[in-house]
Amino acid sequence: MLATLATTAVVTHAGPWAAGFGWVFFLLIPLFWFLVIGLIIFLVTRGRRRAWANGGHEGYGPPWMRGATAESTLAERFAKGDIDETEYRARLEVLRANRPNA
């Protein structure tokens, strides 16, 4: 009778592993970590896309959105008086003619 009580105590305190549910935990633990890592990747990419959509800061985002464009730099130089109107229009025409197709 003492052996039966000891065996019963071991089986009842062994937890779900003794009841045959070990495979559930074997699947749930890796699934949990896949979901956590997937959530982190999702949040990072979502944040980057949101920053790209809002212009982001210089050097961040797609190449066509980084920093000042050539046309805006040319307009700034014209506004400062570094170049005259004839040179501005000539350079602007060259920039627009050589613009890569996006």
C-alpha atoms as a PDB file:
ATOM      1  CA  MET A   1       0.000   0.000   0.000  1.00  0.00           C
ATOM      2  CA  LEU A   2       2.872   2.386   0.699  1.00  0.00           C
ATOM      3  CA  ALA A   3       4.261   1.764  -2.783  1.00  0.00           C
ATOM      4  CA  THR A   4       0.876   2.546  -4.331  1.00  0.00           C
ATOM      5  CA  LEU A   5       0.618   5.822  -2.434  1.00  0.00           C
ATOM      6  CA  ALA A   6       4.146   6.828  -3.449  1.00  0.00           C
ATOM      7  CA  THR A   7       3.453   6.047  -7.107  1.00  0.00           C
ATOM      8  CA  THR A   8       0.184   7.976  -7.014  1.00  0.00           C
ATOM      9  CA  ALA A   9       1.955  10.993  -5.470  1.00  0.00           C
ATOM     10  CA  VAL A  10       4.626  10.969  -8.170  1.00  0.00           C
ATOM     11  CA  VAL A  11       2.096  10.721 -11.005  1.00  0.00           C
ATOM     12  CA  THR A  12      -0.164  13.472  -9.665  1.00  0.00           C
ATOM     13  CA  HIS A  13       2.738  15.868  -8.975  1.00  0.00           C
ATOM     14  CA  ALA A  14       4.529  15.219 -12.255  1.00  0.00           C
ATOM     15  CA  GLY A  15       2.259  17.715 -14.005  1.00  0.00           C
ATOM     16  CA  PRO A  16       1.045  17.610 -17.578  1.00  0.00           C
ATOM     17  CA  TRP A  17       4.119  15.671 -18.738  1.00  0.00           C
ATOM     18  CA  ALA A  18       2.844  12.572 -16.971  1.00  0.00           C
ATOM     19  CA  ALA A  19      -0.649  12.948 -18.418  1.00  0.00           C
ATOM     20  CA  GLY A  20       0.579  12.820 -22.017  1.00  0.00           C
ATOM     21  CA  PHE A  21       0.380  16.556 -22.815  1.00  0.00           C
ATOM     22  CA  GLY A  22       4.124  17.005 -23.254  1.00  0.00           C
ATOM     23  CA  TRP A  23       3.757  17.413 -27.008  1.00  0.00           C
ATOM     24  CA  VAL A  24       1.500  20.444 -26.450  1.00  0.00           C
ATOM     25  CA  PHE A  25       4.230  22.296 -24.592  1.00  0.00           C
ATOM     26  CA  PHE A  26       6.778  21.066 -27.105  1.00  0.00           C
ATOM     27  CA  LEU A  27       4.783  22.907 -29.803  1.00  0.00           C
ATOM     28  CA  LEU A  28       3.604  25.933 -27.824  1.00  0.00           C
ATOM     29  CA  ILE A  29       6.999  27.166 -26.647  1.00  0.00           C
ATOM     30  CA  PRO A  30       8.548  27.490 -30.154  1.00  0.00           C
ATOM     31  CA  LEU A  31       5.250  28.884 -31.468  1.00  0.00           C
ATOM     32  CA  PHE A  32       5.320  31.553 -28.774  1.00  0.00           C
ATOM     33  CA  TRP A  33       8.843  32.631 -29.743  1.00  0.00           C
ATOM     34  CA  PHE A  34       8.021  32.660 -33.457  1.00  0.00           C
ATOM     35  CA  LEU A  35       5.116  34.973 -32.691  1.00  0.00           C
ATOM     36  CA  VAL A  36       7.256  37.265 -30.514  1.00  0.00           C
ATOM     37  CA  ILE A  37       9.996  37.542 -33.145  1.00  0.00           C
ATOM     38  CA  GLY A  38       7.402  38.035 -35.890  1.00  0.00           C
ATOM     39  CA  LEU A  39       5.756  40.828 -33.903  1.00  0.00           C
ATOM     40  CA  ILE A  40       9.092  42.583 -33.433  1.00  0.00           C
ATOM     41  CA  ILE A  41       9.867  42.360 -37.157  1.00  0.00           C
ATOM     42  CA  PHE A  42       6.380  43.626 -38.002  1.00  0.00           C
ATOM     43  CA  LEU A  43       6.683  46.634 -35.690  1.00  0.00           C
ATOM     44  CA  VAL A  44      10.142  47.579 -36.970  1.00  0.00           C
ATOM     45  CA  THR A  45       9.134  47.417 -40.635  1.00  0.00           C
ATOM     46  CA  ARG A  46       5.909  49.298 -39.916  1.00  0.00           C
ATOM     47  CA  GLY A  47       7.873  52.055 -38.192  1.00  0.00           C
ATOM     48  CA  ARG A  48      10.291  52.337 -41.098  1.00  0.00           C
ATOM     49  CA  ARG A  49       7.502  52.508 -43.640  1.00  0.00           C
ATOM     50  CA  ARG A  50       5.753  55.182 -41.609  1.00  0.00           C
ATOM     51  CA  ALA A  51       8.981  57.204 -41.407  1.00  0.00           C
ATOM     52  CA  TRP A  52       9.487  56.839 -45.163  1.00  0.00           C
ATOM     53  CA  ALA A  53       5.946  58.035 -45.823  1.00  0.00           C
ATOM     54  CA  ASN A  54       6.485  61.100 -43.620  1.00  0.00           C
ATOM     55  CA  GLY A  55       9.800  61.967 -45.230  1.00  0.00           C
ATOM     56  CA  GLY A  56      11.960  60.761 -42.350  1.00  0.00           C
ATOM     57  CA  HIS A  57      15.178  62.495 -41.485  1.00  0.00           C
ATOM     58  CA  GLU A  58      18.073  62.991 -43.889  1.00  0.00           C
ATOM     59  CA  GLY A  59      19.807  59.761 -44.846  1.00  0.00           C
ATOM     60  CA  TYR A  60      16.829  57.633 -43.792  1.00  0.00           C
ATOM     61  CA  GLY A  61      14.373  56.078 -46.178  1.00  0.00           C
ATOM     62  CA  PRO A  62      14.318  55.269 -49.864  1.00  0.00           C
ATOM     63  CA  PRO A  63      17.057  56.819 -52.038  1.00  0.00           C
ATOM     64  CA  TRP A  64      14.637  59.128 -53.864  1.00  0.00           C
ATOM     65  CA  MET A  65      13.615  60.716 -50.549  1.00  0.00           C
ATOM     66  CA  ARG A  66      17.045  61.215 -48.979  1.00  0.00           C
ATOM     67  CA  GLY A  67      18.242  64.747 -48.466  1.00  0.00           C
ATOM     68  CA  ALA A  68      17.604  67.689 -50.731  1.00  0.00           C
ATOM     69  CA  THR A  69      16.883  67.137 -54.400  1.00  0.00           C
ATOM     70  CA  ALA A  70      18.974  68.722 -57.113  1.00  0.00           C
ATOM     71  CA  GLU A  71      16.103  71.002 -58.090  1.00  0.00           C
ATOM     72  CA  SER A  72      15.620  72.258 -54.532  1.00  0.00           C
ATOM     73  CA  THR A  73      19.358  72.903 -54.193  1.00  0.00           C
ATOM     74  CA  LEU A  74      19.328  74.818 -57.479  1.00  0.00           C
ATOM     75  CA  ALA A  75      16.302  76.834 -56.307  1.00  0.00           C
ATOM     76  CA  GLU A  76      18.100  77.689 -53.063  1.00  0.00           C
ATOM     77  CA  ARG A  77      21.172  78.880 -54.958  1.00  0.00           C
ATOM     78  CA  PHE A  78      18.945  81.034 -57.199  1.00  0.00           C
ATOM     79  CA  ALA A  79      17.142  82.455 -54.155  1.00  0.00           C
ATOM     80  CA  LYS A  80      20.465  83.320 -52.492  1.00  0.00           C
ATOM     81  CA  GLY A  81      21.647  85.094 -55.621  1.00  0.00           C
ATOM     82  CA  ASP A  82      24.527  82.708 -56.366  1.00  0.00           C
ATOM     83  CA  ILE A  83      23.267  82.231 -59.932  1.00  0.00           C
ATOM     84  CA  ASP A  84      21.191  84.419 -62.222  1.00  0.00           C
ATOM     85  CA  GLU A  85      17.871  83.554 -63.848  1.00  0.00           C
ATOM     86  CA  THR A  86      19.377  82.523 -67.193  1.00  0.00           C
ATOM     87  CA  GLU A  87      21.774  80.067 -65.550  1.00  0.00           C
ATOM     88  CA  TYR A  88      18.999  78.797 -63.244  1.00  0.00           C
ATOM     89  CA  ARG A  89      16.644  78.049 -66.143  1.00  0.00           C
ATOM     90  CA  ALA A  90      19.416  76.408 -68.193  1.00  0.00           C
ATOM     91  CA  ARG A  91      20.475  74.143 -65.323  1.00  0.00           C
ATOM     92  CA  LEU A  92      16.870  73.345 -64.427  1.00  0.00           C
ATOM     93  CA  GLU A  93      16.213  72.311 -68.025  1.00  0.00           C
ATOM     94  CA  VAL A  94      19.264  70.015 -67.968  1.00  0.00           C
ATOM     95  CA  LEU A  95      18.167  68.465 -64.655  1.00  0.00           C
ATOM     96  CA  ARG A  96      14.656  67.778 -65.899  1.00  0.00           C
ATOM     97  CA  ALA A  97      15.895  66.360 -69.207  1.00  0.00           C
ATOM     98  CA  ASN A  98      18.245  63.936 -67.424  1.00  0.00           C
ATOM     99  CA  ARG A  99      15.790  62.920 -64.690  1.00  0.00           C
ATOM    100  CA  PRO A 100      15.702  59.143 -64.227  1.00  0.00           C
ATOM    101  CA  ASN A 101      12.324  57.507 -64.776  1.00  0.00           C
ATOM    102  CA  ALA A 102      10.882  56.361 -61.453  1.00  0.00           C
END
